[in-house]
Amino acid sequence: MRRSAPYFVVSAVFHYLGPAFAVLLFSRIEPLGVAWLRIAAAGAIFSVWRRPWRAWRLLSWSTRRLVIGWGVVLAVMNCCFYLAIDRIPLGTVAAAEFAPVIVLAAIAVHSLRNLLALVFAVVGVYVLTDIRLSHDWIGLVFTALNAVLFAAYVVLGHRVSRADGLRRIDGLALAMGVATVLALPVGLDAAVPAFKDPGLLAAAVGVGVCSSVIPYVADQLAMARVRRSTFAVMLALLPATATVIGAVVLRQFPQPAELAAVAIIVVAVGLHREPT
């Protein structure tokens, strides 16, 4: 677990730092426009960096289907995520993302220590979620969809990171290219204001780098080093970092109980041990 910790810390910080800045763009660009710009910016960067079409030619059809499926999940998940944080506090959306991931962690619990770590993580995330429940039902629907898709992101991303004949970042680059194309019909029109303002476009590209390049690369490097169950427990840090970032960037200040929940989550992640 220690060998993957630096990658995961980077992912945890940037996973919600980019979206927090994205919320600030919603007054100029609609959420779906910001979502597509995030995906497209990451897709363009990966295309220049990795030239993933070279890897595509060498893949088996089963691996290609895996990459395409992951790209579909990335496209829909990012759109649902931005529609959710447009209506729901960032910390709540992040906490909800962890709910389906609990199942992934629980499936492979083989020790009392890791079971205790999972319980601590669940308690901490529950406190964060319960305090900031929203009455915006549309926002809650998108939050729930995003949470389910986030679990799919973990499962498929873990498989891609270990797929034969595919270097880790190349799989991510291919999937992001698929996501860029799939999200185009719903996001391009909403993204038009950014193309009329170079400063706004640069800000949107910055959101893409912070949201989809840095954290997703870090996730792939971490997934390749730990089991999926361990990665799922480590994801409990995301609601905690989202709460802190929401307070710093969006002025969504946590209550004392939320700060206690963040501390519980940190203890849970520190308590978990990767099976040998």
C-alpha atoms as a PDB file:
ATOM      1  CA  MET A   1       0.000   0.000   0.000  1.00  0.00           C
ATOM      2  CA  ARG A   2       2.888   2.361   0.775  1.00  0.00           C
ATOM      3  CA  ARG A   3       4.247   2.141  -2.763  1.00  0.00           C
ATOM      4  CA  SER A   4       0.939   3.478  -4.136  1.00  0.00           C
ATOM      5  CA  ALA A   5       0.335   6.114  -1.432  1.00  0.00           C
ATOM      6  CA  PRO A   6       2.104   9.027  -3.224  1.00  0.00           C
ATOM      7  CA  TYR A   7       0.068   8.453  -6.380  1.00  0.00           C
ATOM      8  CA  PHE A   8      -3.152   8.272  -4.443  1.00  0.00           C
ATOM      9  CA  VAL A   9      -2.455  11.435  -2.448  1.00  0.00           C
ATOM     10  CA  VAL A  10      -1.930  13.299  -5.720  1.00  0.00           C
ATOM     11  CA  SER A  11      -5.161  11.837  -7.085  1.00  0.00           C
ATOM     12  CA  ALA A  12      -7.123  12.692  -3.936  1.00  0.00           C
ATOM     13  CA  VAL A  13      -6.056  16.331  -4.028  1.00  0.00           C
ATOM     14  CA  PHE A  14      -6.594  16.960  -7.728  1.00  0.00           C
ATOM     15  CA  HIS A  15      -9.707  14.793  -8.062  1.00  0.00           C
ATOM     16  CA  TYR A  16     -11.821  17.596  -6.584  1.00  0.00           C
ATOM     17  CA  LEU A  17      -9.535  20.604  -6.911  1.00  0.00           C
ATOM     18  CA  GLY A  18     -10.328  20.806 -10.631  1.00  0.00           C
ATOM     19  CA  PRO A  19     -14.112  20.431 -10.138  1.00  0.00           C
ATOM     20  CA  ALA A  20     -14.048  23.066  -7.405  1.00  0.00           C
ATOM     21  CA  PHE A  21     -12.612  25.547  -9.911  1.00  0.00           C
ATOM     22  CA  ALA A  22     -15.088  24.243 -12.500  1.00  0.00           C
ATOM     23  CA  VAL A  23     -17.986  25.316 -10.287  1.00  0.00           C
ATOM     24  CA  LEU A  24     -16.651  28.873 -10.552  1.00  0.00           C
ATOM     25  CA  LEU A  25     -17.033  28.623 -14.352  1.00  0.00           C
ATOM     26  CA  PHE A  26     -20.719  27.698 -14.206  1.00  0.00           C
ATOM     27  CA  SER A  27     -21.725  31.367 -14.313  1.00  0.00           C
ATOM     28  CA  ARG A  28     -20.158  31.620 -17.787  1.00  0.00           C
ATOM     29  CA  ILE A  29     -20.460  28.069 -19.161  1.00  0.00           C
ATOM     30  CA  GLU A  30     -23.228  25.543 -18.577  1.00  0.00           C
ATOM     31  CA  PRO A  31     -22.235  22.408 -16.611  1.00  0.00           C
ATOM     32  CA  LEU A  32     -22.346  20.089 -19.629  1.00  0.00           C
ATOM     33  CA  GLY A  33     -20.127  22.525 -21.524  1.00  0.00           C
ATOM     34  CA  VAL A  34     -17.586  22.496 -18.702  1.00  0.00           C
ATOM     35  CA  ALA A  35     -17.785  18.687 -18.572  1.00  0.00           C
ATOM     36  CA  TRP A  36     -17.049  18.339 -22.283  1.00  0.00           C
ATOM     37  CA  LEU A  37     -14.224  20.876 -22.175  1.00  0.00           C
ATOM     38  CA  ARG A  38     -12.684  18.932 -19.301  1.00  0.00           C
ATOM     39  CA  ILE A  39     -12.898  15.662 -21.223  1.00  0.00           C
ATOM     40  CA  ALA A  40     -11.778  17.161 -24.542  1.00  0.00           C
ATOM     41  CA  ALA A  41      -8.803  18.974 -22.999  1.00  0.00           C
ATOM     42  CA  ALA A  42      -7.622  15.758 -21.364  1.00  0.00           C
ATOM     43  CA  GLY A  43      -8.228  13.800 -24.572  1.00  0.00           C
ATOM     44  CA  ALA A  44      -6.152  16.271 -26.599  1.00  0.00           C
ATOM     45  CA  ILE A  45      -3.296  16.214 -24.095  1.00  0.00           C
ATOM     46  CA  PHE A  46      -3.229  12.420 -24.015  1.00  0.00           C
ATOM     47  CA  SER A  47      -3.314  12.272 -27.813  1.00  0.00           C
ATOM     48  CA  VAL A  48      -0.233  14.465 -28.121  1.00  0.00           C
ATOM     49  CA  TRP A  49       1.550  12.808 -25.207  1.00  0.00           C
ATOM     50  CA  ARG A  50       0.819   9.110 -25.788  1.00  0.00           C
ATOM     51  CA  ARG A  51      -0.303   8.861 -29.439  1.00  0.00           C
ATOM     52  CA  PRO A  52      -2.692   6.095 -28.357  1.00  0.00           C
ATOM     53  CA  TRP A  53      -3.764   5.072 -31.868  1.00  0.00           C
ATOM     54  CA  ARG A  54      -0.457   3.201 -32.157  1.00  0.00           C
ATOM     55  CA  ALA A  55      -1.399   1.032 -29.179  1.00  0.00           C
ATOM     56  CA  TRP A  56      -4.944   0.499 -30.506  1.00  0.00           C
ATOM     57  CA  ARG A  57      -3.693  -1.412 -33.552  1.00  0.00           C
ATOM     58  CA  LEU A  58      -1.956  -3.974 -31.348  1.00  0.00           C
ATOM     59  CA  LEU A  59      -4.836  -4.709 -28.974  1.00  0.00           C
ATOM     60  CA  SER A  60      -7.069  -7.757 -28.945  1.00  0.00           C
ATOM     61  CA  TRP A  61     -10.804  -7.250 -29.466  1.00  0.00           C
ATOM     62  CA  SER A  62     -11.516  -8.061 -25.818  1.00  0.00           C
ATOM     63  CA  THR A  63      -9.121  -5.328 -24.678  1.00  0.00           C
ATOM     64  CA  ARG A  64     -10.605  -2.903 -27.192  1.00  0.00           C
ATOM     65  CA  ARG A  65     -14.092  -3.573 -25.806  1.00  0.00           C
ATOM     66  CA  LEU A  66     -12.758  -2.990 -22.302  1.00  0.00           C
ATOM     67  CA  VAL A  67     -11.245   0.366 -23.296  1.00  0.00           C
ATOM     68  CA  ILE A  68     -14.410   1.460 -25.125  1.00  0.00           C
ATOM     69  CA  GLY A  69     -16.548   0.499 -22.133  1.00  0.00           C
ATOM     70  CA  TRP A  70     -14.308   2.545 -19.859  1.00  0.00           C
ATOM     71  CA  GLY A  71     -14.564   5.490 -22.252  1.00  0.00           C
ATOM     72  CA  VAL A  72     -18.374   5.295 -22.145  1.00  0.00           C
ATOM     73  CA  VAL A  73     -18.265   5.320 -18.342  1.00  0.00           C
ATOM     74  CA  LEU A  74     -15.891   8.298 -18.300  1.00  0.00           C
ATOM     75  CA  ALA A  75     -18.139  10.317 -20.633  1.00  0.00           C
ATOM     76  CA  VAL A  76     -21.405   9.701 -18.791  1.00  0.00           C
ATOM     77  CA  MET A  77     -19.834   9.877 -15.321  1.00  0.00           C
ATOM     78  CA  ASN A  78     -18.244  13.278 -15.926  1.00  0.00           C
ATOM     79  CA  CYS A  79     -21.481  14.721 -17.310  1.00  0.00           C
ATOM     80  CA  CYS A  80     -23.493  13.428 -14.345  1.00  0.00           C
ATOM     81  CA  PHE A  81     -20.831  14.694 -11.934  1.00  0.00           C
ATOM     82  CA  TYR A  82     -20.974  18.265 -13.212  1.00  0.00           C
ATOM     83  CA  LEU A  83     -24.770  18.285 -13.305  1.00  0.00           C
ATOM     84  CA  ALA A  84     -24.659  17.076  -9.685  1.00  0.00           C
ATOM     85  CA  ILE A  85     -22.177  19.623  -8.295  1.00  0.00           C
ATOM     86  CA  ASP A  86     -24.156  22.394 -10.012  1.00  0.00           C
ATOM     87  CA  ARG A  87     -26.950  21.605  -7.520  1.00  0.00           C
ATOM     88  CA  ILE A  88     -25.371  19.732  -4.595  1.00  0.00           C
ATOM     89  CA  PRO A  89     -22.379  20.659  -2.356  1.00  0.00           C
ATOM     90  CA  LEU A  90     -19.139  19.136  -3.577  1.00  0.00           C
ATOM     91  CA  GLY A  91     -18.527  17.272  -0.308  1.00  0.00           C
ATOM     92  CA  THR A  92     -21.885  15.511  -0.503  1.00  0.00           C
ATOM     93  CA  VAL A  93     -21.351  14.388  -4.093  1.00  0.00           C
ATOM     94  CA  ALA A  94     -17.913  13.080  -3.156  1.00  0.00           C
ATOM     95  CA  ALA A  95     -19.293  11.196  -0.151  1.00  0.00           C
ATOM     96  CA  ALA A  96     -22.008   9.611  -2.286  1.00  0.00           C
ATOM     97  CA  GLU A  97     -19.346   8.424  -4.741  1.00  0.00           C
ATOM     98  CA  PHE A  98     -17.891   6.256  -2.018  1.00  0.00           C
ATOM     99  CA  ALA A  99     -21.150   4.390  -1.269  1.00  0.00           C
ATOM    100  CA  PRO A 100     -21.017   1.834  -4.139  1.00  0.00           C
ATOM    101  CA  VAL A 101     -17.257   1.526  -3.708  1.00  0.00           C
ATOM    102  CA  ILE A 102     -17.882   0.190  -0.195  1.00  0.00           C
ATOM    103  CA  VAL A 103     -19.193  -2.991  -1.815  1.00  0.00           C
ATOM    104  CA  LEU A 104     -15.962  -3.392  -3.779  1.00  0.00           C
ATOM    105  CA  ALA A 105     -13.959  -3.068  -0.583  1.00  0.00           C
ATOM    106  CA  ALA A 106     -16.209  -5.383   1.445  1.00  0.00           C
ATOM    107  CA  ILE A 107     -16.036  -8.213  -1.085  1.00  0.00           C
ATOM    108  CA  ALA A 108     -12.342  -8.837  -0.454  1.00  0.00           C
ATOM    109  CA  VAL A 109     -12.060  -8.241   3.316  1.00  0.00           C
ATOM    110  CA  HIS A 110      -9.957 -11.103   4.742  1.00  0.00           C
ATOM    111  CA  SER A 111      -8.734  -9.746   8.071  1.00  0.00           C
ATOM    112  CA  LEU A 112     -10.176  -8.175  11.199  1.00  0.00           C
ATOM    113  CA  ARG A 113      -7.878  -5.171  10.803  1.00  0.00           C
ATOM    114  CA  ASN A 114      -9.142  -4.421   7.295  1.00  0.00           C
ATOM    115  CA  LEU A 115     -12.740  -5.016   8.352  1.00  0.00           C
ATOM    116  CA  LEU A 116     -12.253  -2.433  11.103  1.00  0.00           C
ATOM    117  CA  ALA A 117     -10.714  -0.032   8.574  1.00  0.00           C
ATOM    118  CA  LEU A 118     -13.735  -0.483   6.316  1.00  0.00           C
ATOM    119  CA  VAL A 119     -16.125   0.191   9.216  1.00  0.00           C
ATOM    120  CA  PHE A 120     -14.271   3.393  10.113  1.00  0.00           C
ATOM    121  CA  ALA A 121     -14.371   4.508   6.477  1.00  0.00           C
ATOM    122  CA  VAL A 122     -18.109   3.836   6.213  1.00  0.00           C
ATOM    123  CA  VAL A 123     -18.843   5.721   9.437  1.00  0.00           C
ATOM    124  CA  GLY A 124     -16.781   8.710   8.386  1.00  0.00           C
ATOM    125  CA  VAL A 125     -18.341   8.921   4.925  1.00  0.00           C
ATOM    126  CA  TYR A 126     -21.843   8.419   6.378  1.00  0.00           C
ATOM    127  CA  VAL A 127     -21.383  11.391   8.694  1.00  0.00           C
ATOM    128  CA  LEU A 128     -20.255  13.570   5.782  1.00  0.00           C
ATOM    129  CA  THR A 129     -23.204  12.443   3.654  1.00  0.00           C
ATOM    130  CA  ASP A 130     -25.859  12.680   6.348  1.00  0.00           C
ATOM    131  CA  ILE A 131     -25.004  16.234   7.353  1.00  0.00           C
ATOM    132  CA  ARG A 132     -25.294  17.681   3.859  1.00  0.00           C
ATOM    133  CA  LEU A 133     -28.321  15.896   2.463  1.00  0.00           C
ATOM    134  CA  SER A 134     -30.074  18.022  -0.146  1.00  0.00           C
ATOM    135  CA  HIS A 135     -33.726  18.468  -1.039  1.00  0.00           C
ATOM    136  CA  ASP A 136     -32.844  18.975  -4.694  1.00  0.00           C
ATOM    137  CA  TRP A 137     -34.129  15.704  -6.147  1.00  0.00           C
ATOM    138  CA  ILE A 138     -32.733  16.329  -9.621  1.00  0.00           C
ATOM    139  CA  GLY A 139     -29.328  16.913  -8.100  1.00  0.00           C
ATOM    140  CA  LEU A 140     -29.648  13.756  -6.011  1.00  0.00           C
ATOM    141  CA  VAL A 141     -30.508  11.690  -9.096  1.00  0.00           C
ATOM    142  CA  PHE A 142     -27.367  12.876 -10.878  1.00  0.00           C
ATOM    143  CA  THR A 143     -25.397  12.304  -7.660  1.00  0.00           C
ATOM    144  CA  ALA A 144     -26.630   8.703  -7.465  1.00  0.00           C
ATOM    145  CA  LEU A 145     -25.879   8.044 -11.141  1.00  0.00           C
ATOM    146  CA  ASN A 146     -22.404   9.491 -10.729  1.00  0.00           C
ATOM    147  CA  ALA A 147     -21.779   7.278  -7.689  1.00  0.00           C
ATOM    148  CA  VAL A 148     -22.708   4.093  -9.566  1.00  0.00           C
ATOM    149  CA  LEU A 149     -20.592   5.102 -12.542  1.00  0.00           C
ATOM    150  CA  PHE A 150     -17.668   5.924 -10.255  1.00  0.00           C
ATOM    151  CA  ALA A 151     -17.699   2.320  -9.017  1.00  0.00           C
ATOM    152  CA  ALA A 152     -17.677   1.214 -12.660  1.00  0.00           C
ATOM    153  CA  TYR A 153     -14.739   3.581 -13.252  1.00  0.00           C
ATOM    154  CA  VAL A 154     -12.799   1.821 -10.495  1.00  0.00           C
ATOM    155  CA  VAL A 155     -13.586  -1.689 -11.762  1.00  0.00           C
ATOM    156  CA  LEU A 156     -12.853  -0.991 -15.431  1.00  0.00           C
ATOM    157  CA  GLY A 157      -9.888   1.267 -14.685  1.00  0.00           C
ATOM    158  CA  HIS A 158      -8.315  -1.433 -12.547  1.00  0.00           C
ATOM    159  CA  ARG A 159      -8.713  -3.950 -15.381  1.00  0.00           C
ATOM    160  CA  VAL A 160      -7.244  -1.562 -17.940  1.00  0.00           C
ATOM    161  CA  SER A 161      -4.241  -0.847 -15.702  1.00  0.00           C
ATOM    162  CA  ARG A 162      -3.414  -4.564 -15.782  1.00  0.00           C
ATOM    163  CA  ALA A 163      -4.481  -5.471 -19.321  1.00  0.00           C
ATOM    164  CA  ASP A 164      -1.975  -7.492 -21.323  1.00  0.00           C
ATOM    165  CA  GLY A 165      -0.238  -5.663 -24.163  1.00  0.00           C
ATOM    166  CA  LEU A 166      -1.393  -2.241 -22.965  1.00  0.00           C
ATOM    167  CA  ARG A 167       0.799   0.239 -21.177  1.00  0.00           C
ATOM    168  CA  ARG A 168      -1.071   1.844 -18.301  1.00  0.00           C
ATOM    169  CA  ILE A 169      -1.388   5.396 -19.552  1.00  0.00           C
ATOM    170  CA  ASP A 170      -2.101   4.305 -23.129  1.00  0.00           C
ATOM    171  CA  GLY A 171      -5.328   2.626 -22.004  1.00  0.00           C
ATOM    172  CA  LEU A 172      -6.386   5.815 -20.242  1.00  0.00           C
ATOM    173  CA  ALA A 173      -5.514   7.873 -23.332  1.00  0.00           C
ATOM    174  CA  LEU A 174      -7.637   5.640 -25.564  1.00  0.00           C
ATOM    175  CA  ALA A 175     -10.584   5.699 -23.167  1.00  0.00           C
ATOM    176  CA  MET A 176     -10.430   9.491 -22.877  1.00  0.00           C
ATOM    177  CA  GLY A 177     -10.488   9.775 -26.661  1.00  0.00           C
ATOM    178  CA  VAL A 178     -13.634   7.639 -26.733  1.00  0.00           C
ATOM    179  CA  ALA A 179     -15.189   9.801 -24.000  1.00  0.00           C
ATOM    180  CA  THR A 180     -14.393  12.993 -25.930  1.00  0.00           C
ATOM    181  CA  VAL A 181     -16.299  11.767 -28.981  1.00  0.00           C
ATOM    182  CA  LEU A 182     -19.256  10.416 -26.999  1.00  0.00           C
ATOM    183  CA  ALA A 183     -19.725  13.596 -24.941  1.00  0.00           C
ATOM    184  CA  LEU A 184     -19.454  15.859 -27.997  1.00  0.00           C
ATOM    185  CA  PRO A 185     -23.203  15.947 -28.881  1.00  0.00           C
ATOM    186  CA  VAL A 186     -24.297  17.018 -25.387  1.00  0.00           C
ATOM    187  CA  GLY A 187     -21.440  19.356 -24.518  1.00  0.00           C
ATOM    188  CA  LEU A 188     -20.147  21.165 -27.590  1.00  0.00           C
ATOM    189  CA  ASP A 189     -22.992  23.657 -27.941  1.00  0.00           C
ATOM    190  CA  ALA A 190     -22.827  24.531 -24.242  1.00  0.00           C
ATOM    191  CA  ALA A 191     -19.044  24.994 -24.520  1.00  0.00           C
ATOM    192  CA  VAL A 192     -19.274  27.662 -27.275  1.00  0.00           C
ATOM    193  CA  PRO A 193     -18.795  30.649 -24.875  1.00  0.00           C
ATOM    194  CA  ALA A 194     -15.327  29.333 -23.995  1.00  0.00           C
ATOM    195  CA  PHE A 195     -14.231  29.464 -27.643  1.00  0.00           C
ATOM    196  CA  LYS A 196     -15.070  33.188 -27.749  1.00  0.00           C
ATOM    197  CA  ASP A 197     -12.928  34.039 -24.721  1.00  0.00           C
ATOM    198  CA  PRO A 198      -9.271  32.848 -24.657  1.00  0.00           C
ATOM    199  CA  GLY A 199      -9.026  33.393 -20.910  1.00  0.00           C
ATOM    200  CA  LEU A 200     -12.141  31.352 -20.257  1.00  0.00           C
ATOM    201  CA  LEU A 201     -10.917  28.592 -22.566  1.00  0.00           C
ATOM    202  CA  ALA A 202      -7.565  28.500 -20.774  1.00  0.00           C
ATOM    203  CA  ALA A 203      -9.375  28.177 -17.458  1.00  0.00           C
ATOM    204  CA  ALA A 204     -11.465  25.299 -18.816  1.00  0.00           C
ATOM    205  CA  VAL A 205      -8.327  23.547 -20.097  1.00  0.00           C
ATOM    206  CA  GLY A 206      -6.773  24.023 -16.659  1.00  0.00           C
ATOM    207  CA  VAL A 207      -9.811  22.314 -15.135  1.00  0.00           C
ATOM    208  CA  GLY A 208      -9.292  19.419 -17.540  1.00  0.00           C
ATOM    209  CA  VAL A 209      -5.646  19.057 -16.534  1.00  0.00           C
ATOM    210  CA  CYS A 210      -6.463  19.180 -12.817  1.00  0.00           C
ATOM    211  CA  SER A 211      -9.532  16.943 -13.085  1.00  0.00           C
ATOM    212  CA  SER A 212      -8.830  14.342 -15.768  1.00  0.00           C
ATOM    213  CA  VAL A 213      -5.103  14.270 -16.519  1.00  0.00           C
ATOM    214  CA  ILE A 214      -3.280  14.416 -13.186  1.00  0.00           C
ATOM    215  CA  PRO A 215      -5.718  12.392 -11.022  1.00  0.00           C
ATOM    216  CA  TYR A 216      -6.538   9.771 -13.658  1.00  0.00           C
ATOM    217  CA  VAL A 217      -2.862   9.151 -14.405  1.00  0.00           C
ATOM    218  CA  ALA A 218      -2.186   8.865 -10.668  1.00  0.00           C
ATOM    219  CA  ASP A 219      -5.119   6.439 -10.339  1.00  0.00           C
ATOM    220  CA  GLN A 220      -3.743   4.206 -13.087  1.00  0.00           C
ATOM    221  CA  LEU A 221      -0.314   4.101 -11.462  1.00  0.00           C
ATOM    222  CA  ALA A 222      -1.874   3.313  -8.079  1.00  0.00           C
ATOM    223  CA  MET A 223      -4.291   0.689  -9.460  1.00  0.00           C
ATOM    224  CA  ALA A 224      -1.422  -1.181 -11.072  1.00  0.00           C
ATOM    225  CA  ARG A 225       0.267  -1.539  -7.670  1.00  0.00           C
ATOM    226  CA  VAL A 226      -2.549  -2.502  -5.272  1.00  0.00           C
ATOM    227  CA  ARG A 227      -5.575  -4.732  -5.228  1.00  0.00           C
ATOM    228  CA  ARG A 228      -8.942  -3.291  -6.167  1.00  0.00           C
ATOM    229  CA  SER A 229     -10.267  -3.715  -2.612  1.00  0.00           C
ATOM    230  CA  THR A 230      -7.342  -1.743  -1.172  1.00  0.00           C
ATOM    231  CA  PHE A 231      -7.814   1.008  -3.742  1.00  0.00           C
ATOM    232  CA  ALA A 232     -11.527   1.121  -2.837  1.00  0.00           C
ATOM    233  CA  VAL A 233     -10.746   1.705   0.847  1.00  0.00           C
ATOM    234  CA  MET A 234      -8.222   4.400  -0.062  1.00  0.00           C
ATOM    235  CA  LEU A 235     -11.008   6.147  -1.993  1.00  0.00           C
ATOM    236  CA  ALA A 236     -12.547   7.042   1.362  1.00  0.00           C
ATOM    237  CA  LEU A 237     -10.035   9.907   1.376  1.00  0.00           C
ATOM    238  CA  LEU A 238     -11.857  11.547  -1.529  1.00  0.00           C
ATOM    239  CA  PRO A 239     -14.863  12.814   0.470  1.00  0.00           C
ATOM    240  CA  ALA A 240     -12.432  14.163   3.051  1.00  0.00           C
ATOM    241  CA  THR A 241     -10.330  16.050   0.508  1.00  0.00           C
ATOM    242  CA  ALA A 242     -13.506  17.254  -1.224  1.00  0.00           C
ATOM    243  CA  THR A 243     -14.752  18.706   2.057  1.00  0.00           C
ATOM    244  CA  VAL A 244     -11.483  20.562   2.611  1.00  0.00           C
ATOM    245  CA  ILE A 245     -11.296  21.827  -0.975  1.00  0.00           C
ATOM    246  CA  GLY A 246     -14.962  22.834  -0.887  1.00  0.00           C
ATOM    247  CA  ALA A 247     -14.209  24.976   2.156  1.00  0.00           C
ATOM    248  CA  VAL A 248     -11.060  26.572   0.718  1.00  0.00           C
ATOM    249  CA  VAL A 249     -12.243  27.226  -2.849  1.00  0.00           C
ATOM    250  CA  LEU A 250     -16.051  27.375  -2.663  1.00  0.00           C
ATOM    251  CA  ARG A 251     -16.520  28.616   0.917  1.00  0.00           C
ATOM    252  CA  GLN A 252     -18.635  25.527   1.739  1.00  0.00           C
ATOM    253  CA  PHE A 253     -17.347  25.411   5.315  1.00  0.00           C
ATOM    254  CA  PRO A 254     -17.552  22.091   7.203  1.00  0.00           C
ATOM    255  CA  GLN A 255     -19.228  21.724  10.578  1.00  0.00           C
ATOM    256  CA  PRO A 256     -17.351  20.280  13.600  1.00  0.00           C
ATOM    257  CA  ALA A 257     -18.949  16.855  13.039  1.00  0.00           C
ATOM    258  CA  GLU A 258     -17.698  16.885   9.454  1.00  0.00           C
ATOM    259  CA  LEU A 259     -14.157  17.616  10.624  1.00  0.00           C
ATOM    260  CA  ALA A 260     -14.433  14.648  12.988  1.00  0.00           C
ATOM    261  CA  ALA A 261     -15.638  12.523  10.060  1.00  0.00           C
ATOM    262  CA  VAL A 262     -12.605  13.550   8.008  1.00  0.00           C
ATOM    263  CA  ALA A 263     -10.350  12.469  10.889  1.00  0.00           C
ATOM    264  CA  ILE A 264     -12.117   9.085  11.108  1.00  0.00           C
ATOM    265  CA  ILE A 265     -11.612   8.524   7.375  1.00  0.00           C
ATOM    266  CA  VAL A 266      -7.907   9.298   7.623  1.00  0.00           C
ATOM    267  CA  VAL A 267      -7.612   6.777  10.479  1.00  0.00           C
ATOM    268  CA  ALA A 268      -9.444   4.165   8.385  1.00  0.00           C
ATOM    269  CA  VAL A 269      -7.094   4.537   5.434  1.00  0.00           C
ATOM    270  CA  GLY A 270      -4.055   4.386   7.707  1.00  0.00           C
ATOM    271  CA  LEU A 271      -5.387   1.269   9.418  1.00  0.00           C
ATOM    272  CA  HIS A 272      -5.910  -0.746   6.214  1.00  0.00           C
ATOM    273  CA  ARG A 273      -3.163  -3.152   5.139  1.00  0.00           C
ATOM    274  CA  GLU A 274      -2.651  -4.670   1.702  1.00  0.00           C
ATOM    275  CA  PRO A 275      -2.824  -8.504   1.865  1.00  0.00           C
ATOM    276  CA  THR A 276       0.457 -10.198   0.998  1.00  0.00           C
END
